[in-house]
Amino acid sequence: MEKKNNYHASESISVVDIGALPSSAPNSGNSSISETKPLVSAQDDDLKKSDDTTKKNESTATSSSTTLSKMGLSVLLLLAIQNTSKNLLLRAVMKEHPKFLTSAAILGVETVKLTMSLLYIVCVQRRPAFSAVTFMKQDKRNTILMAIPATLYSIQMTLEYVALGNIDASVFSVLVQMKMLATAGCAVLILGKRIKKVQLISLVLLTIGVMLCNMKSYGASPSEEEAVGNAKKGILATLGIAGCSGLASVYTEKVIKES
């Protein structure tokens, strides 16, 4: 009887254990699957959010680039108007060869530029005017180096009075474009840049146009030359302007890159 009872007990235990095993295994599997599903959905949500943010950033970048391009075009238009009006007004003043010191005129122009710069610092940047002096003291090296292009620009302005006193404003506007050729040459010599074929062709065409414009100036009669001025003197002054401008711009670029 005891053996039978033990046999039945062991059989019942084994039945209970075997019955318990399959019920626990699926539950554990279902719990792991239910745990992984929220993780996958959370990762998908994060990916969607990151894609949305990247798209928003790209749209804002494109919109900012378009606004910058419009601003750049407007600035270029204002610069074109400013250069054209300056040449015409200066030619109208210098046509009669008035007796005044060009150095005094240059000093007055630079004073106006300094005043406008200080007004920009005070009104737009909301800083005291003395902050410009503080900035120059903190960056003494670049301030001293920038004295070279400042001198070149002063010489350039002096030559503008000489050139526009002897040649017409339209001829001057064409000849002064030689500054592009001078800038390219200085960039090759000083910065070690290479010129592409398209750029070289454009420079050659520019040189041909300047030569044709010079032929037109030299083809004038003596009476016309006396009325207009000394064409050779005006052309040489204009070429000096182009050389000073090209050297000053390349030197300024070199200083900025090395600072």
C-alpha atoms as a PDB file:
ATOM      1  CA  MET A   1       0.000   0.000   0.000  1.00  0.00           C
ATOM      2  CA  GLU A   2       2.829   2.389   0.856  1.00  0.00           C
ATOM      3  CA  LYS A   3       4.518   1.664  -2.485  1.00  0.00           C
ATOM      4  CA  LYS A   4       1.295   2.347  -4.332  1.00  0.00           C
ATOM      5  CA  ASN A   5       0.754   5.598  -2.448  1.00  0.00           C
ATOM      6  CA  ASN A   6       4.321   6.694  -3.188  1.00  0.00           C
ATOM      7  CA  TYR A   7       3.847   5.808  -6.861  1.00  0.00           C
ATOM      8  CA  HIS A   8       0.638   7.828  -7.052  1.00  0.00           C
ATOM      9  CA  ALA A   9       2.245  10.784  -5.252  1.00  0.00           C
ATOM     10  CA  SER A  10       5.242  10.842  -7.574  1.00  0.00           C
ATOM     11  CA  GLU A  11       2.924  10.554 -10.569  1.00  0.00           C
ATOM     12  CA  SER A  12       0.816  13.448  -9.323  1.00  0.00           C
ATOM     13  CA  ILE A  13       3.920  15.574  -8.740  1.00  0.00           C
ATOM     14  CA  SER A  14       5.198  14.848 -12.210  1.00  0.00           C
ATOM     15  CA  VAL A  15       1.844  15.676 -13.695  1.00  0.00           C
ATOM     16  CA  VAL A  16       1.714  18.938 -11.809  1.00  0.00           C
ATOM     17  CA  ASP A  17       5.267  19.849 -12.869  1.00  0.00           C
ATOM     18  CA  ILE A  18       4.673  18.959 -16.490  1.00  0.00           C
ATOM     19  CA  GLY A  19       1.414  20.873 -16.506  1.00  0.00           C
ATOM     20  CA  ALA A  20       3.064  23.900 -14.954  1.00  0.00           C
ATOM     21  CA  LEU A  21       5.878  24.108 -17.487  1.00  0.00           C
ATOM     22  CA  PRO A  22       3.929  24.907 -20.658  1.00  0.00           C
ATOM     23  CA  SER A  23       1.763  27.429 -18.883  1.00  0.00           C
ATOM     24  CA  SER A  24       4.798  29.437 -17.684  1.00  0.00           C
ATOM     25  CA  ALA A  25       6.782  29.331 -20.950  1.00  0.00           C
ATOM     26  CA  PRO A  26       4.244  31.079 -23.164  1.00  0.00           C
ATOM     27  CA  ASN A  27       3.626  33.711 -20.525  1.00  0.00           C
ATOM     28  CA  SER A  28       7.321  34.587 -20.435  1.00  0.00           C
ATOM     29  CA  GLY A  29       7.431  34.753 -24.220  1.00  0.00           C
ATOM     30  CA  ASN A  30       4.386  36.972 -24.384  1.00  0.00           C
ATOM     31  CA  SER A  31       5.823  39.309 -21.759  1.00  0.00           C
ATOM     32  CA  SER A  32       9.123  39.680 -23.679  1.00  0.00           C
ATOM     33  CA  ILE A  33       7.267  40.365 -26.925  1.00  0.00           C
ATOM     34  CA  SER A  34       5.004  42.863 -25.203  1.00  0.00           C
ATOM     35  CA  GLU A  35       8.105  44.571 -23.777  1.00  0.00           C
ATOM     36  CA  THR A  36       9.889  44.812 -27.157  1.00  0.00           C
ATOM     37  CA  LYS A  37       6.893  46.237 -29.000  1.00  0.00           C
ATOM     38  CA  PRO A  38       6.873  49.563 -27.061  1.00  0.00           C
ATOM     39  CA  LEU A  39      10.647  49.869 -27.566  1.00  0.00           C
ATOM     40  CA  VAL A  40      10.337  49.448 -31.332  1.00  0.00           C
ATOM     41  CA  SER A  41       7.487  51.911 -31.539  1.00  0.00           C
ATOM     42  CA  ALA A  42       9.454  54.422 -29.441  1.00  0.00           C
ATOM     43  CA  GLN A  43      12.450  54.084 -31.766  1.00  0.00           C
ATOM     44  CA  ASP A  44      10.205  54.647 -34.780  1.00  0.00           C
ATOM     45  CA  ASP A  45       8.797  57.778 -33.163  1.00  0.00           C
ATOM     46  CA  ASP A  46      12.307  59.075 -32.493  1.00  0.00           C
ATOM     47  CA  LEU A  47      13.319  58.447 -36.116  1.00  0.00           C
ATOM     48  CA  LYS A  48      10.237  60.262 -37.385  1.00  0.00           C
ATOM     49  CA  LYS A  49      10.934  63.194 -35.093  1.00  0.00           C
ATOM     50  CA  SER A  50      14.570  63.384 -36.242  1.00  0.00           C
ATOM     51  CA  ASP A  51      13.474  63.291 -39.892  1.00  0.00           C
ATOM     52  CA  ASP A  52      10.996  66.090 -39.246  1.00  0.00           C
ATOM     53  CA  THR A  53      13.646  68.221 -37.549  1.00  0.00           C
ATOM     54  CA  THR A  54      16.127  67.680 -40.390  1.00  0.00           C
ATOM     55  CA  LYS A  55      13.487  68.659 -42.939  1.00  0.00           C
ATOM     56  CA  LYS A  56      12.665  71.780 -40.941  1.00  0.00           C
ATOM     57  CA  ASN A  57      16.364  72.677 -40.696  1.00  0.00           C
ATOM     58  CA  GLU A  58      16.820  72.187 -44.448  1.00  0.00           C
ATOM     59  CA  SER A  59      13.797  74.366 -45.211  1.00  0.00           C
ATOM     60  CA  THR A  60      15.053  77.126 -42.913  1.00  0.00           C
ATOM     61  CA  ALA A  61      18.528  76.897 -44.474  1.00  0.00           C
ATOM     62  CA  THR A  62      17.142  77.227 -47.986  1.00  0.00           C
ATOM     63  CA  SER A  63      14.941  80.128 -46.986  1.00  0.00           C
ATOM     64  CA  SER A  64      17.889  81.885 -45.310  1.00  0.00           C
ATOM     65  CA  SER A  65      20.050  81.324 -48.398  1.00  0.00           C
ATOM     66  CA  THR A  66      17.364  82.849 -50.607  1.00  0.00           C
ATOM     67  CA  THR A  67      17.065  85.845 -48.316  1.00  0.00           C
ATOM     68  CA  LEU A  68      20.841  86.266 -48.324  1.00  0.00           C
ATOM     69  CA  SER A  69      20.924  86.119 -52.101  1.00  0.00           C
ATOM     70  CA  LYS A  70      18.237  88.807 -52.354  1.00  0.00           C
ATOM     71  CA  MET A  71      20.126  90.945 -49.869  1.00  0.00           C
ATOM     72  CA  GLY A  72      23.345  90.416 -51.822  1.00  0.00           C
ATOM     73  CA  LEU A  73      21.694  91.474 -55.070  1.00  0.00           C
ATOM     74  CA  SER A  74      20.288  94.598 -53.463  1.00  0.00           C
ATOM     75  CA  VAL A  75      23.709  95.493 -52.046  1.00  0.00           C
ATOM     76  CA  LEU A  76      25.330  94.945 -55.450  1.00  0.00           C
ATOM     77  CA  LEU A  77      22.719  97.204 -57.038  1.00  0.00           C
ATOM     78  CA  LEU A  78      23.401  99.937 -54.496  1.00  0.00           C
ATOM     79  CA  LEU A  79      27.147  99.596 -55.078  1.00  0.00           C
ATOM     80  CA  ALA A  80      26.661  99.917 -58.839  1.00  0.00           C
ATOM     81  CA  ILE A  81      24.589 103.074 -58.368  1.00  0.00           C
ATOM     82  CA  GLN A  82      27.132 104.484 -55.932  1.00  0.00           C
ATOM     83  CA  ASN A  83      30.120 103.848 -58.219  1.00  0.00           C
ATOM     84  CA  THR A  84      28.356 105.254 -61.284  1.00  0.00           C
ATOM     85  CA  SER A  85      27.169 108.391 -59.522  1.00  0.00           C
ATOM     86  CA  LYS A  86      30.592 108.923 -57.950  1.00  0.00           C
ATOM     87  CA  ASN A  87      32.371 108.756 -61.321  1.00  0.00           C
ATOM     88  CA  LEU A  88      29.869 111.107 -62.966  1.00  0.00           C
ATOM     89  CA  LEU A  89      29.977 113.669 -60.163  1.00  0.00           C
ATOM     90  CA  LEU A  90      33.761 113.547 -59.924  1.00  0.00           C
ATOM     91  CA  ARG A  91      34.081 113.983 -63.686  1.00  0.00           C
ATOM     92  CA  ALA A  92      31.689 116.949 -63.586  1.00  0.00           C
ATOM     93  CA  VAL A  93      33.814 118.576 -60.876  1.00  0.00           C
ATOM     94  CA  MET A  94      37.239 117.810 -62.380  1.00  0.00           C
ATOM     95  CA  LYS A  95      36.348 118.596 -65.997  1.00  0.00           C
ATOM     96  CA  GLU A  96      37.198 122.267 -65.566  1.00  0.00           C
ATOM     97  CA  HIS A  97      40.409 121.447 -63.617  1.00  0.00           C
ATOM     98  CA  PRO A  98      39.513 123.406 -60.467  1.00  0.00           C
ATOM     99  CA  LYS A  99      42.318 124.679 -58.268  1.00  0.00           C
ATOM    100  CA  PHE A 100      41.988 122.836 -54.981  1.00  0.00           C
ATOM    101  CA  LEU A 101      44.079 120.374 -53.022  1.00  0.00           C
ATOM    102  CA  THR A 102      43.133 116.752 -53.671  1.00  0.00           C
ATOM    103  CA  SER A 103      44.623 115.841 -50.291  1.00  0.00           C
ATOM    104  CA  ALA A 104      42.059 118.107 -48.601  1.00  0.00           C
ATOM    105  CA  ALA A 105      39.240 116.437 -50.542  1.00  0.00           C
ATOM    106  CA  ILE A 106      40.522 112.969 -49.573  1.00  0.00           C
ATOM    107  CA  LEU A 107      40.762 114.035 -45.933  1.00  0.00           C
ATOM    108  CA  GLY A 108      37.170 115.255 -46.034  1.00  0.00           C
ATOM    109  CA  VAL A 109      35.966 111.987 -47.593  1.00  0.00           C
ATOM    110  CA  GLU A 110      37.760 109.913 -44.961  1.00  0.00           C
ATOM    111  CA  THR A 111      36.294 112.083 -42.203  1.00  0.00           C
ATOM    112  CA  VAL A 112      32.794 111.411 -43.519  1.00  0.00           C
ATOM    113  CA  LYS A 113      33.554 107.658 -43.660  1.00  0.00           C
ATOM    114  CA  LEU A 114      34.799 107.689 -40.068  1.00  0.00           C
ATOM    115  CA  THR A 115      31.704 109.556 -38.903  1.00  0.00           C
ATOM    116  CA  MET A 116      29.363 107.130 -40.645  1.00  0.00           C
ATOM    117  CA  SER A 117      31.231 104.133 -39.189  1.00  0.00           C
ATOM    118  CA  LEU A 118      30.980 105.516 -35.658  1.00  0.00           C
ATOM    119  CA  LEU A 119      27.282 106.214 -36.151  1.00  0.00           C
ATOM    120  CA  TYR A 120      26.798 102.590 -37.251  1.00  0.00           C
ATOM    121  CA  ILE A 121      28.538 101.350 -34.099  1.00  0.00           C
ATOM    122  CA  VAL A 122      26.436 103.576 -31.848  1.00  0.00           C
ATOM    123  CA  CYS A 123      23.027 103.315 -33.553  1.00  0.00           C
ATOM    124  CA  VAL A 124      22.993  99.786 -34.985  1.00  0.00           C
ATOM    125  CA  GLN A 125      25.342  97.764 -32.791  1.00  0.00           C
ATOM    126  CA  ARG A 126      24.348  99.686 -29.634  1.00  0.00           C
ATOM    127  CA  ARG A 127      27.943 100.078 -28.481  1.00  0.00           C
ATOM    128  CA  PRO A 128      29.922 103.116 -27.370  1.00  0.00           C
ATOM    129  CA  ALA A 129      32.004 104.860 -30.027  1.00  0.00           C
ATOM    130  CA  PHE A 130      35.164 104.326 -27.961  1.00  0.00           C
ATOM    131  CA  SER A 131      34.813 100.552 -28.471  1.00  0.00           C
ATOM    132  CA  ALA A 132      36.466 100.990 -31.889  1.00  0.00           C
ATOM    133  CA  VAL A 133      39.631 102.248 -30.180  1.00  0.00           C
ATOM    134  CA  THR A 134      39.482  99.349 -27.713  1.00  0.00           C
ATOM    135  CA  PHE A 135      39.188  96.879 -30.572  1.00  0.00           C
ATOM    136  CA  MET A 136      42.216  98.350 -32.342  1.00  0.00           C
ATOM    137  CA  LYS A 137      44.248  98.159 -29.133  1.00  0.00           C
ATOM    138  CA  GLN A 138      43.329  94.511 -28.632  1.00  0.00           C
ATOM    139  CA  ASP A 139      44.270  93.627 -32.224  1.00  0.00           C
ATOM    140  CA  LYS A 140      47.416  95.707 -32.683  1.00  0.00           C
ATOM    141  CA  ARG A 141      49.063  93.363 -35.174  1.00  0.00           C
ATOM    142  CA  ASN A 142      46.264  93.436 -37.736  1.00  0.00           C
ATOM    143  CA  THR A 143      45.762  97.158 -37.166  1.00  0.00           C
ATOM    144  CA  ILE A 144      49.387  97.823 -38.136  1.00  0.00           C
ATOM    145  CA  LEU A 145      49.221  95.448 -41.097  1.00  0.00           C
ATOM    146  CA  MET A 146      46.078  97.128 -42.418  1.00  0.00           C
ATOM    147  CA  ALA A 147      48.013 100.389 -42.728  1.00  0.00           C
ATOM    148  CA  ILE A 148      49.431  99.111 -46.051  1.00  0.00           C
ATOM    149  CA  PRO A 149      46.070  98.686 -47.866  1.00  0.00           C
ATOM    150  CA  ALA A 150      44.882 101.949 -46.289  1.00  0.00           C
ATOM    151  CA  THR A 151      47.854 103.740 -47.880  1.00  0.00           C
ATOM    152  CA  LEU A 152      47.168 102.056 -51.217  1.00  0.00           C
ATOM    153  CA  TYR A 153      43.526 103.148 -51.125  1.00  0.00           C
ATOM    154  CA  SER A 154      44.601 106.737 -50.380  1.00  0.00           C
ATOM    155  CA  ILE A 155      46.889 106.679 -53.423  1.00  0.00           C
ATOM    156  CA  GLN A 156      44.018 105.202 -55.431  1.00  0.00           C
ATOM    157  CA  MET A 157      41.692 108.047 -54.475  1.00  0.00           C
ATOM    158  CA  THR A 158      44.331 110.614 -55.446  1.00  0.00           C
ATOM    159  CA  LEU A 159      44.739 108.959 -58.834  1.00  0.00           C
ATOM    160  CA  GLU A 160      40.963 109.036 -59.355  1.00  0.00           C
ATOM    161  CA  TYR A 161      41.029 112.830 -59.305  1.00  0.00           C
ATOM    162  CA  VAL A 162      43.852 112.825 -61.842  1.00  0.00           C
ATOM    163  CA  ALA A 163      42.186 110.251 -64.116  1.00  0.00           C
ATOM    164  CA  LEU A 164      38.721 111.811 -64.157  1.00  0.00           C
ATOM    165  CA  GLY A 165      40.275 115.201 -64.797  1.00  0.00           C
ATOM    166  CA  ASN A 166      41.717 113.940 -68.086  1.00  0.00           C
ATOM    167  CA  ILE A 167      39.397 111.243 -69.469  1.00  0.00           C
ATOM    168  CA  ASP A 168      35.651 110.815 -69.735  1.00  0.00           C
ATOM    169  CA  ALA A 169      33.661 108.976 -67.047  1.00  0.00           C
ATOM    170  CA  SER A 170      32.561 106.223 -69.465  1.00  0.00           C
ATOM    171  CA  VAL A 171      36.142 105.557 -70.563  1.00  0.00           C
ATOM    172  CA  PHE A 172      37.256 105.562 -66.944  1.00  0.00           C
ATOM    173  CA  SER A 173      34.542 103.044 -66.004  1.00  0.00           C
ATOM    174  CA  VAL A 174      35.812 100.644 -68.672  1.00  0.00           C
ATOM    175  CA  LEU A 175      39.516 101.103 -67.943  1.00  0.00           C
ATOM    176  CA  VAL A 176      39.112 100.739 -64.193  1.00  0.00           C
ATOM    177  CA  GLN A 177      37.858  97.187 -64.727  1.00  0.00           C
ATOM    178  CA  MET A 178      41.520  96.284 -65.212  1.00  0.00           C
ATOM    179  CA  LYS A 179      41.540  95.927 -61.444  1.00  0.00           C
ATOM    180  CA  MET A 180      40.123  92.424 -62.021  1.00  0.00           C
ATOM    181  CA  LEU A 181      43.211  91.520 -64.043  1.00  0.00           C
ATOM    182  CA  ALA A 182      45.453  93.090 -61.409  1.00  0.00           C
ATOM    183  CA  THR A 183      43.653  91.217 -58.634  1.00  0.00           C
ATOM    184  CA  ALA A 184      44.016  87.910 -60.468  1.00  0.00           C
ATOM    185  CA  GLY A 185      47.728  88.502 -61.039  1.00  0.00           C
ATOM    186  CA  CYS A 186      48.347  89.444 -57.391  1.00  0.00           C
ATOM    187  CA  ALA A 187      46.354  86.410 -56.227  1.00  0.00           C
ATOM    188  CA  VAL A 188      48.560  84.125 -58.338  1.00  0.00           C
ATOM    189  CA  LEU A 189      51.804  85.766 -57.175  1.00  0.00           C
ATOM    190  CA  ILE A 190      50.990  86.379 -53.487  1.00  0.00           C
ATOM    191  CA  LEU A 191      48.414  83.720 -52.552  1.00  0.00           C
ATOM    192  CA  GLY A 192      49.533  81.044 -55.036  1.00  0.00           C
ATOM    193  CA  LYS A 193      46.079  80.564 -56.525  1.00  0.00           C
ATOM    194  CA  ARG A 194      45.417  78.928 -59.882  1.00  0.00           C
ATOM    195  CA  ILE A 195      43.266  80.499 -62.574  1.00  0.00           C
ATOM    196  CA  LYS A 196      40.753  78.337 -64.439  1.00  0.00           C
ATOM    197  CA  LYS A 197      40.429  78.373 -68.210  1.00  0.00           C
ATOM    198  CA  VAL A 198      37.086  80.177 -68.092  1.00  0.00           C
ATOM    199  CA  GLN A 199      38.550  82.853 -65.838  1.00  0.00           C
ATOM    200  CA  LEU A 200      41.576  83.225 -68.102  1.00  0.00           C
ATOM    201  CA  ILE A 201      39.365  83.650 -71.177  1.00  0.00           C
ATOM    202  CA  SER A 202      37.282  86.295 -69.398  1.00  0.00           C
ATOM    203  CA  LEU A 203      40.447  88.190 -68.403  1.00  0.00           C
ATOM    204  CA  VAL A 204      41.724  88.083 -71.993  1.00  0.00           C
ATOM    205  CA  LEU A 205      38.402  89.443 -73.268  1.00  0.00           C
ATOM    206  CA  LEU A 206      38.533  92.170 -70.633  1.00  0.00           C
ATOM    207  CA  THR A 207      42.028  93.143 -71.759  1.00  0.00           C
ATOM    208  CA  ILE A 208      40.898  93.289 -75.400  1.00  0.00           C
ATOM    209  CA  GLY A 209      37.980  95.556 -74.448  1.00  0.00           C
ATOM    210  CA  VAL A 210      40.303  97.879 -72.553  1.00  0.00           C
ATOM    211  CA  MET A 211      42.682  98.023 -75.520  1.00  0.00           C
ATOM    212  CA  LEU A 212      39.822  98.935 -77.852  1.00  0.00           C
ATOM    213  CA  CYS A 213      38.712 101.652 -75.468  1.00  0.00           C
ATOM    214  CA  ASN A 214      42.262 103.048 -75.405  1.00  0.00           C
ATOM    215  CA  MET A 215      42.355 103.092 -79.217  1.00  0.00           C
ATOM    216  CA  LYS A 216      39.175 105.170 -79.175  1.00  0.00           C
ATOM    217  CA  SER A 217      40.759 107.637 -76.773  1.00  0.00           C
ATOM    218  CA  TYR A 218      43.947 107.943 -78.803  1.00  0.00           C
ATOM    219  CA  GLY A 219      41.943 108.418 -82.014  1.00  0.00           C
ATOM    220  CA  ALA A 220      40.581 111.785 -80.880  1.00  0.00           C
ATOM    221  CA  SER A 221      41.664 115.006 -82.579  1.00  0.00           C
ATOM    222  CA  PRO A 222      44.029 117.457 -80.820  1.00  0.00           C
ATOM    223  CA  SER A 223      41.208 119.953 -80.235  1.00  0.00           C
ATOM    224  CA  GLU A 224      39.107 117.259 -78.586  1.00  0.00           C
ATOM    225  CA  GLU A 225      42.055 116.165 -76.469  1.00  0.00           C
ATOM    226  CA  GLU A 226      42.542 119.725 -75.240  1.00  0.00           C
ATOM    227  CA  ALA A 227      38.856 119.961 -74.375  1.00  0.00           C
ATOM    228  CA  VAL A 228      38.782 116.596 -72.632  1.00  0.00           C
ATOM    229  CA  GLY A 229      42.282 116.539 -71.156  1.00  0.00           C
ATOM    230  CA  ASN A 230      45.498 114.579 -71.441  1.00  0.00           C
ATOM    231  CA  ALA A 231      44.292 111.086 -72.356  1.00  0.00           C
ATOM    232  CA  LYS A 232      47.655 109.396 -71.763  1.00  0.00           C
ATOM    233  CA  LYS A 233      47.895 110.866 -68.261  1.00  0.00           C
ATOM    234  CA  GLY A 234      44.352 109.769 -67.458  1.00  0.00           C
ATOM    235  CA  ILE A 235      44.918 106.232 -68.760  1.00  0.00           C
ATOM    236  CA  LEU A 236      48.131 105.799 -66.767  1.00  0.00           C
ATOM    237  CA  ALA A 237      46.388 107.080 -63.634  1.00  0.00           C
ATOM    238  CA  THR A 238      43.537 104.628 -64.198  1.00  0.00           C
ATOM    239  CA  LEU A 239      45.970 101.724 -64.597  1.00  0.00           C
ATOM    240  CA  GLY A 240      47.629 102.822 -61.361  1.00  0.00           C
ATOM    241  CA  ILE A 241      44.204 102.718 -59.679  1.00  0.00           C
ATOM    242  CA  ALA A 242      43.693  99.151 -60.927  1.00  0.00           C
ATOM    243  CA  GLY A 243      47.111  98.058 -59.642  1.00  0.00           C
ATOM    244  CA  CYS A 244      46.616  99.630 -56.197  1.00  0.00           C
ATOM    245  CA  SER A 245      43.142  98.139 -55.872  1.00  0.00           C
ATOM    246  CA  GLY A 246      44.255  94.625 -56.835  1.00  0.00           C
ATOM    247  CA  LEU A 247      47.260  94.648 -54.509  1.00  0.00           C
ATOM    248  CA  ALA A 248      45.263  96.088 -51.590  1.00  0.00           C
ATOM    249  CA  SER A 249      42.436  93.554 -51.915  1.00  0.00           C
ATOM    250  CA  VAL A 250      44.768  90.540 -52.153  1.00  0.00           C
ATOM    251  CA  TYR A 251      46.917  91.775 -49.274  1.00  0.00           C
ATOM    252  CA  THR A 252      43.804  92.288 -47.130  1.00  0.00           C
ATOM    253  CA  GLU A 253      42.674  88.741 -47.907  1.00  0.00           C
ATOM    254  CA  LYS A 254      46.078  87.398 -46.903  1.00  0.00           C
ATOM    255  CA  VAL A 255      46.018  89.276 -43.589  1.00  0.00           C
ATOM    256  CA  ILE A 256      42.520  88.041 -42.775  1.00  0.00           C
ATOM    257  CA  LYS A 257      43.393  84.412 -43.584  1.00  0.00           C
ATOM    258  CA  GLU A 258      46.584  84.474 -41.509  1.00  0.00           C
ATOM    259  CA  SER A 259      44.966  86.127 -38.486  1.00  0.00           C
END
